[in-house]
Every structure is written in C-alpha cells, then in structure tokens.
Amino acid sequence: MPALTFDLTIRTPSSARWAILHDQAQVGSVDMHVEQQRARATIVVAASLDDAALDEIIEAFDEQMIPDEFRRDVRLTVWRGESLGTFAPAG
C-alpha cells in the first residue's frame, strides 16, 4: 500500500484527528487523545481495506505518529466499515 500519508485535520491541546490517505484518496481516519503519559487512538478504515492494508496503516501510525513519551501506554482501537456521511444537527 504505497503512498500512505496522514493529513492533520484538527488539533486541540489534548487530541488530534488525521485523515488517512492512500494515493490522495481518503481510506480512513485516526482520532488520538493524550493525557499525562497515556495515548488512546481510534483508527477507522474503509470496509474495502484488507487485513494487509490495515496492518500497514497501524504500523505506519505507530512509527510516524505516536510520540516516544507515550509509547509505553498506547492503546489502539480499530474499526472497519463504511462512511454514511457527515451530518449536522438541524436547527
């Protein structure tokens, strides 16, 4: 799965979200929240990605995006499915 990149879409003091891009097409997203010496991340990928592609995303995220100071206490949750869209509440 060449040309895998993470594009920062939002950052707060304790969290961030990245779009996962493969050849400039979004194939998923990552939300990471940090607190003290802990990091928790949720990776959401397209249902069409196979296990090998998912393994590459997890490995790339681990190597490129997790700061060394959080490496001892990192937990990743992975979801695979389809996007139903982006919605805003009426009103």
PDB file of N, CA and C in Angstrom:
ATOM      1  N   MET A   1       0.849  -1.186   0.000  1.00  0.00           N
ATOM      2  CA  MET A   1       0.000   0.000   0.000  1.00  0.00           C
ATOM      3  C   MET A   1       0.885   1.238   0.000  1.00  0.00           C
ATOM      4  N   PRO A   2       1.484   1.608  -1.133  1.00  0.00           N
ATOM      5  CA  PRO A   2       2.368   2.770  -1.188  1.00  0.00           C
ATOM      6  C   PRO A   2       1.597   4.078  -1.066  1.00  0.00           C
ATOM      7  N   ALA A   3       2.346   5.143  -0.867  1.00  0.00           N
ATOM      8  CA  ALA A   3       1.790   6.495  -0.802  1.00  0.00           C
ATOM      9  C   ALA A   3       0.777   6.656   0.325  1.00  0.00           C
ATOM     10  N   LEU A   4       1.082   6.116   1.485  1.00  0.00           N
ATOM     11  CA  LEU A   4       0.230   6.235   2.657  1.00  0.00           C
ATOM     12  C   LEU A   4       0.668   7.464   3.440  1.00  0.00           C
ATOM     13  N   THR A   5      -0.275   8.384   3.700  1.00  0.00           N
ATOM     14  CA  THR A   5       0.041   9.592   4.462  1.00  0.00           C
ATOM     15  C   THR A   5      -1.058   9.870   5.472  1.00  0.00           C
ATOM     16  N   PHE A   6      -0.707  10.665   6.476  1.00  0.00           N
ATOM     17  CA  PHE A   6      -1.652  11.117   7.487  1.00  0.00           C
ATOM     18  C   PHE A   6      -1.745  12.633   7.362  1.00  0.00           C
ATOM     19  N   ASP A   7      -2.959  13.141   7.154  1.00  0.00           N
ATOM     20  CA  ASP A   7      -3.183  14.566   6.958  1.00  0.00           C
ATOM     21  C   ASP A   7      -3.934  15.113   8.164  1.00  0.00           C
ATOM     22  N   LEU A   8      -3.268  15.969   8.944  1.00  0.00           N
ATOM     23  CA  LEU A   8      -3.881  16.535  10.145  1.00  0.00           C
ATOM     24  C   LEU A   8      -5.091  17.383   9.763  1.00  0.00           C
ATOM     25  N   THR A   9      -6.245  17.092  10.360  1.00  0.00           N
ATOM     26  CA  THR A   9      -7.453  17.851  10.042  1.00  0.00           C
ATOM     27  C   THR A   9      -7.918  18.724  11.204  1.00  0.00           C
ATOM     28  N   ILE A  10      -7.566  18.336  12.432  1.00  0.00           N
ATOM     29  CA  ILE A  10      -7.928  19.155  13.596  1.00  0.00           C
ATOM     30  C   ILE A  10      -7.009  18.801  14.758  1.00  0.00           C
ATOM     31  N   ARG A  11      -6.695  19.809  15.563  1.00  0.00           N
ATOM     32  CA  ARG A  11      -5.863  19.586  16.753  1.00  0.00           C
ATOM     33  C   ARG A  11      -6.398  20.441  17.890  1.00  0.00           C
ATOM     34  N   THR A  12      -6.438  19.842  19.074  1.00  0.00           N
ATOM     35  CA  THR A  12      -6.759  20.556  20.309  1.00  0.00           C
ATOM     36  C   THR A  12      -5.577  20.337  21.242  1.00  0.00           C
ATOM     37  N   PRO A  13      -5.576  20.937  22.420  1.00  0.00           N
ATOM     38  CA  PRO A  13      -4.445  20.712  23.330  1.00  0.00           C
ATOM     39  C   PRO A  13      -4.231  19.249  23.716  1.00  0.00           C
ATOM     40  N   SER A  14      -5.287  18.435  23.703  1.00  0.00           N
ATOM     41  CA  SER A  14      -5.137  17.043  24.146  1.00  0.00           C
ATOM     42  C   SER A  14      -5.541  16.001  23.107  1.00  0.00           C
ATOM     43  N   SER A  15      -5.892  16.429  21.892  1.00  0.00           N
ATOM     44  CA  SER A  15      -6.311  15.449  20.904  1.00  0.00           C
ATOM     45  C   SER A  15      -6.023  15.941  19.491  1.00  0.00           C
ATOM     46  N   ALA A  16      -6.128  15.012  18.550  1.00  0.00           N
ATOM     47  CA  ALA A  16      -5.937  15.364  17.138  1.00  0.00           C
ATOM     48  C   ALA A  16      -6.668  14.356  16.277  1.00  0.00           C
ATOM     49  N   ARG A  17      -6.986  14.772  15.053  1.00  0.00           N
ATOM     50  CA  ARG A  17      -7.595  13.888  14.066  1.00  0.00           C
ATOM     51  C   ARG A  17      -6.811  14.019  12.772  1.00  0.00           C
ATOM     52  N   TRP A  18      -6.558  12.847  12.161  1.00  0.00           N
ATOM     53  CA  TRP A  18      -5.881  12.792  10.864  1.00  0.00           C
ATOM     54  C   TRP A  18      -6.741  12.026   9.884  1.00  0.00           C
ATOM     55  N   ALA A  19      -6.747  12.476   8.639  1.00  0.00           N
ATOM     56  CA  ALA A  19      -7.310  11.676   7.554  1.00  0.00           C
ATOM     57  C   ALA A  19      -6.201  10.732   7.106  1.00  0.00           C
ATOM     58  N   ILE A  20      -6.533   9.478   6.851  1.00  0.00           N
ATOM     59  CA  ILE A  20      -5.577   8.513   6.315  1.00  0.00           C
ATOM     60  C   ILE A  20      -5.761   8.518   4.805  1.00  0.00           C
ATOM     61  N   LEU A  21      -4.697   8.864   4.080  1.00  0.00           N
ATOM     62  CA  LEU A  21      -4.759   8.979   2.630  1.00  0.00           C
ATOM     63  C   LEU A  21      -3.887   7.929   1.964  1.00  0.00           C
ATOM     64  N   HIS A  22      -4.427   7.330   0.914  1.00  0.00           N
ATOM     65  CA  HIS A  22      -3.665   6.414   0.076  1.00  0.00           C
ATOM     66  C   HIS A  22      -3.768   6.944  -1.345  1.00  0.00           C
ATOM     67  N   ASP A  23      -2.641   7.348  -1.914  1.00  0.00           N
ATOM     68  CA  ASP A  23      -2.643   7.979  -3.238  1.00  0.00           C
ATOM     69  C   ASP A  23      -3.652   9.117  -3.304  1.00  0.00           C
ATOM     70  N   GLN A  24      -3.675   9.945  -2.268  1.00  0.00           N
ATOM     71  CA  GLN A  24      -4.522  11.140  -2.155  1.00  0.00           C
ATOM     72  C   GLN A  24      -6.013  10.855  -1.938  1.00  0.00           C
ATOM     73  N   ALA A  25      -6.426   9.595  -1.864  1.00  0.00           N
ATOM     74  CA  ALA A  25      -7.824   9.256  -1.581  1.00  0.00           C
ATOM     75  C   ALA A  25      -7.946   8.870  -0.106  1.00  0.00           C
ATOM     76  N   GLN A  26      -8.960   9.399   0.566  1.00  0.00           N
ATOM     77  CA  GLN A  26      -9.131   9.074   1.975  1.00  0.00           C
ATOM     78  C   GLN A  26      -9.652   7.654   2.133  1.00  0.00           C
ATOM     79  N   VAL A  27      -8.923   6.849   2.936  1.00  0.00           N
ATOM     80  CA  VAL A  27      -9.315   5.467   3.211  1.00  0.00           C
ATOM     81  C   VAL A  27      -9.656   5.255   4.679  1.00  0.00           C
ATOM     82  N   GLY A  28      -9.544   6.317   5.479  1.00  0.00           N
ATOM     83  CA  GLY A  28      -9.860   6.189   6.888  1.00  0.00           C
ATOM     84  C   GLY A  28      -9.510   7.452   7.650  1.00  0.00           C
ATOM     85  N   SER A  29      -9.592   7.342   8.973  1.00  0.00           N
ATOM     86  CA  SER A  29      -9.232   8.458   9.845  1.00  0.00           C
ATOM     87  C   SER A  29      -8.719   7.913  11.170  1.00  0.00           C
ATOM     88  N   VAL A  30      -8.005   8.777  11.873  1.00  0.00           N
ATOM     89  CA  VAL A  30      -7.476   8.437  13.196  1.00  0.00           C
ATOM     90  C   VAL A  30      -7.797   9.579  14.148  1.00  0.00           C
ATOM     91  N   ASP A  31      -8.327   9.240  15.311  1.00  0.00           N
ATOM     92  CA  ASP A  31      -8.504  10.197  16.406  1.00  0.00           C
ATOM     93  C   ASP A  31      -7.586   9.749  17.530  1.00  0.00           C
ATOM     94  N   MET A  32      -6.762  10.673  18.051  1.00  0.00           N
ATOM     95  CA  MET A  32      -5.877  10.319  19.162  1.00  0.00           C
ATOM     96  C   MET A  32      -6.056  11.342  20.280  1.00  0.00           C
ATOM     97  N   HIS A  33      -6.173  10.826  21.497  1.00  0.00           N
ATOM     98  CA  HIS A  33      -6.322  11.644  22.691  1.00  0.00           C
ATOM     99  C   HIS A  33      -5.173  11.310  23.634  1.00  0.00           C
ATOM    100  N   VAL A  34      -4.548  12.337  24.167  1.00  0.00           N
ATOM    101  CA  VAL A  34      -3.427  12.124  25.074  1.00  0.00           C
ATOM    102  C   VAL A  34      -3.716  12.784  26.411  1.00  0.00           C
ATOM    103  N   GLU A  35      -3.224  12.133  27.472  1.00  0.00           N
ATOM    104  CA  GLU A  35      -3.379  12.657  28.817  1.00  0.00           C
ATOM    105  C   GLU A  35      -2.223  12.135  29.648  1.00  0.00           C
ATOM    106  N   GLN A  36      -1.500  13.041  30.242  1.00  0.00           N
ATOM    107  CA  GLN A  36      -0.314  12.691  31.018  1.00  0.00           C
ATOM    108  C   GLN A  36       0.589  11.801  30.175  1.00  0.00           C
ATOM    109  N   GLN A  37       0.816  10.571  30.567  1.00  0.00           N
ATOM    110  CA  GLN A  37       1.702   9.669  29.822  1.00  0.00           C
ATOM    111  C   GLN A  37       0.936   8.594  29.064  1.00  0.00           C
ATOM    112  N   ARG A  38      -0.361   8.845  28.764  1.00  0.00           N
ATOM    113  CA  ARG A  38      -1.177   7.848  28.066  1.00  0.00           C
ATOM    114  C   ARG A  38      -1.679   8.408  26.744  1.00  0.00           C
ATOM    115  N   ALA A  39      -1.809   7.529  25.763  1.00  0.00           N
ATOM    116  CA  ALA A  39      -2.403   7.900  24.475  1.00  0.00           C
ATOM    117  C   ALA A  39      -3.409   6.831  24.090  1.00  0.00           C
ATOM    118  N   ARG A  40      -4.560   7.281  23.609  1.00  0.00           N
ATOM    119  CA  ARG A  40      -5.605   6.379  23.138  1.00  0.00           C
ATOM    120  C   ARG A  40      -5.969   6.824  21.727  1.00  0.00           C
ATOM    121  N   ALA A  41      -6.005   5.888  20.812  1.00  0.00           N
ATOM    122  CA  ALA A  41      -6.307   6.220  19.427  1.00  0.00           C
ATOM    123  C   ALA A  41      -7.375   5.294  18.886  1.00  0.00           C
ATOM    124  N   THR A  42      -8.223   5.837  18.025  1.00  0.00           N
ATOM    125  CA  THR A  42      -9.220   5.057  17.302  1.00  0.00           C
ATOM    126  C   THR A  42      -8.931   5.223  15.819  1.00  0.00           C
ATOM    127  N   ILE A  43      -8.701   4.099  15.160  1.00  0.00           N
ATOM    128  CA  ILE A  43      -8.460   4.083  13.725  1.00  0.00           C
ATOM    129  C   ILE A  43      -9.715   3.529  13.064  1.00  0.00           C
ATOM    130  N   VAL A  44     -10.245   4.273  12.107  1.00  0.00           N
ATOM    131  CA  VAL A  44     -11.430   3.855  11.357  1.00  0.00           C
ATOM    132  C   VAL A  44     -11.023   3.777   9.893  1.00  0.00           C
ATOM    133  N   VAL A  45     -11.231   2.612   9.289  1.00  0.00           N
ATOM    134  CA  VAL A  45     -10.841   2.426   7.884  1.00  0.00           C
ATOM    135  C   VAL A  45     -12.024   1.937   7.065  1.00  0.00           C
ATOM    136  N   ALA A  46     -11.907   2.115   5.760  1.00  0.00           N
ATOM    137  CA  ALA A  46     -12.951   1.681   4.825  1.00  0.00           C
ATOM    138  C   ALA A  46     -13.108   0.167   4.872  1.00  0.00           C
ATOM    139  N   ALA A  47     -14.327  -0.283   4.676  1.00  0.00           N
ATOM    140  CA  ALA A  47     -14.627  -1.712   4.694  1.00  0.00           C
ATOM    141  C   ALA A  47     -13.867  -2.466   3.620  1.00  0.00           C
ATOM    142  N   SER A  48     -13.513  -1.789   2.534  1.00  0.00           N
ATOM    143  CA  SER A  48     -12.842  -2.446   1.410  1.00  0.00           C
ATOM    144  C   SER A  48     -11.366  -2.751   1.677  1.00  0.00           C
ATOM    145  N   LEU A  49     -10.787  -2.198   2.730  1.00  0.00           N
ATOM    146  CA  LEU A  49      -9.378  -2.469   3.019  1.00  0.00           C
ATOM    147  C   LEU A  49      -9.211  -3.880   3.567  1.00  0.00           C
ATOM    148  N   ASP A  50      -8.213  -4.595   3.047  1.00  0.00           N
ATOM    149  CA  ASP A  50      -7.954  -5.942   3.545  1.00  0.00           C
ATOM    150  C   ASP A  50      -7.049  -5.881   4.773  1.00  0.00           C
ATOM    151  N   ASP A  51      -6.818  -7.034   5.384  1.00  0.00           N
ATOM    152  CA  ASP A  51      -6.024  -7.095   6.607  1.00  0.00           C
ATOM    153  C   ASP A  51      -4.593  -6.612   6.397  1.00  0.00           C
ATOM    154  N   ALA A  52      -3.992  -6.903   5.250  1.00  0.00           N
ATOM    155  CA  ALA A  52      -2.621  -6.467   4.981  1.00  0.00           C
ATOM    156  C   ALA A  52      -2.531  -4.942   4.935  1.00  0.00           C
ATOM    157  N   ALA A  53      -3.498  -4.287   4.287  1.00  0.00           N
ATOM    158  CA  ALA A  53      -3.511  -2.825   4.218  1.00  0.00           C
ATOM    159  C   ALA A  53      -3.728  -2.237   5.609  1.00  0.00           C
ATOM    160  N   LEU A  54      -4.614  -2.848   6.387  1.00  0.00           N
ATOM    161  CA  LEU A  54      -4.857  -2.383   7.752  1.00  0.00           C
ATOM    162  C   LEU A  54      -3.596  -2.521   8.596  1.00  0.00           C
ATOM    163  N   ASP A  55      -2.887  -3.624   8.471  1.00  0.00           N
ATOM    164  CA  ASP A  55      -1.625  -3.805   9.195  1.00  0.00           C
ATOM    165  C   ASP A  55      -0.624  -2.705   8.845  1.00  0.00           C
ATOM    166  N   GLU A  56      -0.550  -2.329   7.571  1.00  0.00           N
ATOM    167  CA  GLU A  56       0.363  -1.265   7.146  1.00  0.00           C
ATOM    168  C   GLU A  56      -0.024   0.076   7.757  1.00  0.00           C
ATOM    169  N   ILE A  57      -1.323   0.346   7.830  1.00  0.00           N
ATOM    170  CA  ILE A  57      -1.781   1.602   8.433  1.00  0.00           C
ATOM    171  C   ILE A  57      -1.408   1.637   9.912  1.00  0.00           C
ATOM    172  N   ILE A  58      -1.661   0.557  10.625  1.00  0.00           N
ATOM    173  CA  ILE A  58      -1.345   0.503  12.058  1.00  0.00           C
ATOM    174  C   ILE A  58       0.154   0.671  12.271  1.00  0.00           C
ATOM    175  N   GLU A  59       0.956  -0.017  11.486  1.00  0.00           N
ATOM    176  CA  GLU A  59       2.406   0.085  11.623  1.00  0.00           C
ATOM    177  C   GLU A  59       2.890   1.503  11.313  1.00  0.00           C
ATOM    178  N   ALA A  60       2.376   2.105  10.247  1.00  0.00           N
ATOM    179  CA  ALA A  60       2.777   3.465   9.881  1.00  0.00           C
ATOM    180  C   ALA A  60       2.359   4.459  10.960  1.00  0.00           C
ATOM    181  N   PHE A  61       1.151   4.303  11.494  1.00  0.00           N
ATOM    182  CA  PHE A  61       0.693   5.194  12.558  1.00  0.00           C
ATOM    183  C   PHE A  61       1.588   5.054  13.782  1.00  0.00           C
ATOM    184  N   ASP A  62       1.897   3.832  14.146  1.00  0.00           N
ATOM    185  CA  ASP A  62       2.773   3.582  15.286  1.00  0.00           C
ATOM    186  C   ASP A  62       4.134   4.237  15.088  1.00  0.00           C
ATOM    187  N   GLU A  63       4.738   4.055  13.937  1.00  0.00           N
ATOM    188  CA  GLU A  63       6.079   4.574  13.682  1.00  0.00           C
ATOM    189  C   GLU A  63       6.117   6.088  13.511  1.00  0.00           C
ATOM    190  N   GLN A  64       5.117   6.655  12.844  1.00  0.00           N
ATOM    191  CA  GLN A  64       5.166   8.066  12.471  1.00  0.00           C
ATOM    192  C   GLN A  64       4.444   9.007  13.420  1.00  0.00           C
ATOM    193  N   MET A  65       3.407   8.546  14.080  1.00  0.00           N
ATOM    194  CA  MET A  65       2.506   9.471  14.749  1.00  0.00           C
ATOM    195  C   MET A  65       2.498   9.392  16.276  1.00  0.00           C
ATOM    196  N   ILE A  66       2.983   8.319  16.853  1.00  0.00           N
ATOM    197  CA  ILE A  66       2.930   8.196  18.312  1.00  0.00           C
ATOM    198  C   ILE A  66       4.229   8.725  18.909  1.00  0.00           C
ATOM    199  N   PRO A  67       4.130   9.793  19.695  1.00  0.00           N
ATOM    200  CA  PRO A  67       5.339  10.353  20.312  1.00  0.00           C
ATOM    201  C   PRO A  67       5.999   9.353  21.263  1.00  0.00           C
ATOM    202  N   ASP A  68       7.319   9.396  21.334  1.00  0.00           N
ATOM    203  CA  ASP A  68       8.065   8.459  22.170  1.00  0.00           C
ATOM    204  C   ASP A  68       7.607   8.469  23.629  1.00  0.00           C
ATOM    205  N   GLU A  69       7.239   9.636  24.156  1.00  0.00           N
ATOM    206  CA  GLU A  69       6.871   9.711  25.572  1.00  0.00           C
ATOM    207  C   GLU A  69       5.565   8.977  25.887  1.00  0.00           C
ATOM    208  N   PHE A  70       4.771   8.635  24.879  1.00  0.00           N
ATOM    209  CA  PHE A  70       3.526   7.903  25.095  1.00  0.00           C
ATOM    210  C   PHE A  70       3.634   6.434  24.707  1.00  0.00           C
ATOM    211  N   ARG A  71       4.760   6.045  24.172  1.00  0.00           N
ATOM    212  CA  ARG A  71       4.914   4.707  23.601  1.00  0.00           C
ATOM    213  C   ARG A  71       4.646   3.586  24.607  1.00  0.00           C
ATOM    214  N   ARG A  72       4.920   3.796  25.886  1.00  0.00           N
ATOM    215  CA  ARG A  72       4.731   2.725  26.872  1.00  0.00           C
ATOM    216  C   ARG A  72       3.267   2.477  27.206  1.00  0.00           C
ATOM    217  N   ASP A  73       2.410   3.473  26.993  1.00  0.00           N
ATOM    218  CA  ASP A  73       1.000   3.302  27.342  1.00  0.00           C
ATOM    219  C   ASP A  73       0.117   3.822  26.212  1.00  0.00           C
ATOM    220  N   VAL A  74       0.121   3.094  25.111  1.00  0.00           N
ATOM    221  CA  VAL A  74      -0.694   3.424  23.940  1.00  0.00           C
ATOM    222  C   VAL A  74      -1.695   2.300  23.720  1.00  0.00           C
ATOM    223  N   ARG A  75      -2.924   2.669  23.436  1.00  0.00           N
ATOM    224  CA  ARG A  75      -3.949   1.690  23.090  1.00  0.00           C
ATOM    225  C   ARG A  75      -4.603   2.131  21.792  1.00  0.00           C
ATOM    226  N   LEU A  76      -4.700   1.208  20.847  1.00  0.00           N
ATOM    227  CA  LEU A  76      -5.350   1.477  19.564  1.00  0.00           C
ATOM    228  C   LEU A  76      -6.630   0.655  19.480  1.00  0.00           C
ATOM    229  N   THR A  77      -7.707   1.296  19.091  1.00  0.00           N
ATOM    230  CA  THR A  77      -8.955   0.615  18.779  1.00  0.00           C
ATOM    231  C   THR A  77      -9.159   0.775  17.279  1.00  0.00           C
ATOM    232  N   VAL A  78      -9.502  -0.309  16.598  1.00  0.00           N
ATOM    233  CA  VAL A  78      -9.633  -0.272  15.148  1.00  0.00           C
ATOM    234  C   VAL A  78     -11.050  -0.654  14.752  1.00  0.00           C
ATOM    235  N   TRP A  79     -11.632   0.149  13.859  1.00  0.00           N
ATOM    236  CA  TRP A  79     -12.952  -0.107  13.294  1.00  0.00           C
ATOM    237  C   TRP A  79     -12.811  -0.183  11.779  1.00  0.00           C
ATOM    238  N   ARG A  80     -13.551  -1.098  11.169  1.00  0.00           N
ATOM    239  CA  ARG A  80     -13.574  -1.200   9.711  1.00  0.00           C
ATOM    240  C   ARG A  80     -15.048  -1.180   9.286  1.00  0.00           C
ATOM    241  N   GLY A  81     -15.386  -0.262   8.377  1.00  0.00           N
ATOM    242  CA  GLY A  81     -16.782  -0.154   7.959  1.00  0.00           C
ATOM    243  C   GLY A  81     -16.940   0.814   6.809  1.00  0.00           C
ATOM    244  N   GLU A  82     -18.124   1.361   6.662  1.00  0.00           N
ATOM    245  CA  GLU A  82     -18.388   2.301   5.573  1.00  0.00           C
ATOM    246  C   GLU A  82     -18.847   3.633   6.137  1.00  0.00           C
ATOM    247  N   SER A  83     -18.494   4.688   5.454  1.00  0.00           N
ATOM    248  CA  SER A  83     -18.931   6.028   5.859  1.00  0.00           C
ATOM    249  C   SER A  83     -20.360   6.247   5.378  1.00  0.00           C
ATOM    250  N   LEU A  84     -21.172   6.729   6.279  1.00  0.00           N
ATOM    251  CA  LEU A  84     -22.548   7.045   5.916  1.00  0.00           C
ATOM    252  C   LEU A  84     -22.732   8.531   5.648  1.00  0.00           C
ATOM    253  N   GLY A  85     -21.665   9.310   5.814  1.00  0.00           N
ATOM    254  CA  GLY A  85     -21.719  10.735   5.539  1.00  0.00           C
ATOM    255  C   GLY A  85     -21.393  11.550   6.770  1.00  0.00           C
ATOM    256  N   THR A  86     -21.392  12.861   6.598  1.00  0.00           N
ATOM    257  CA  THR A  86     -21.166  13.796   7.684  1.00  0.00           C
ATOM    258  C   THR A  86     -22.464  14.573   7.881  1.00  0.00           C
ATOM    259  N   PHE A  87     -22.921  14.624   9.107  1.00  0.00           N
ATOM    260  CA  PHE A  87     -24.218  15.224   9.385  1.00  0.00           C
ATOM    261  C   PHE A  87     -24.088  16.338  10.408  1.00  0.00           C
ATOM    262  N   ALA A  88     -24.949  17.326  10.325  1.00  0.00           N
ATOM    263  CA  ALA A  88     -25.024  18.405  11.300  1.00  0.00           C
ATOM    264  C   ALA A  88     -26.446  18.433  11.841  1.00  0.00           C
ATOM    265  N   PRO A  89     -26.596  18.712  13.132  1.00  0.00           N
ATOM    266  CA  PRO A  89     -27.943  18.757  13.700  1.00  0.00           C
ATOM    267  C   PRO A  89     -28.769  19.872  13.052  1.00  0.00           C
ATOM    268  N   ALA A  90     -30.044  19.628  12.896  1.00  0.00           N
ATOM    269  CA  ALA A  90     -30.942  20.647  12.348  1.00  0.00           C
ATOM    270  C   ALA A  90     -31.157  21.731  13.387  1.00  0.00           C
ATOM    271  N   GLY A  91     -31.310  22.922  12.927  1.00  0.00           N
ATOM    272  CA  GLY A  91     -31.646  23.969  13.872  1.00  0.00           C
ATOM    273  C   GLY A  91     -30.758  25.077  13.767  1.00  0.00           C
TER     274      GLY A  91
END
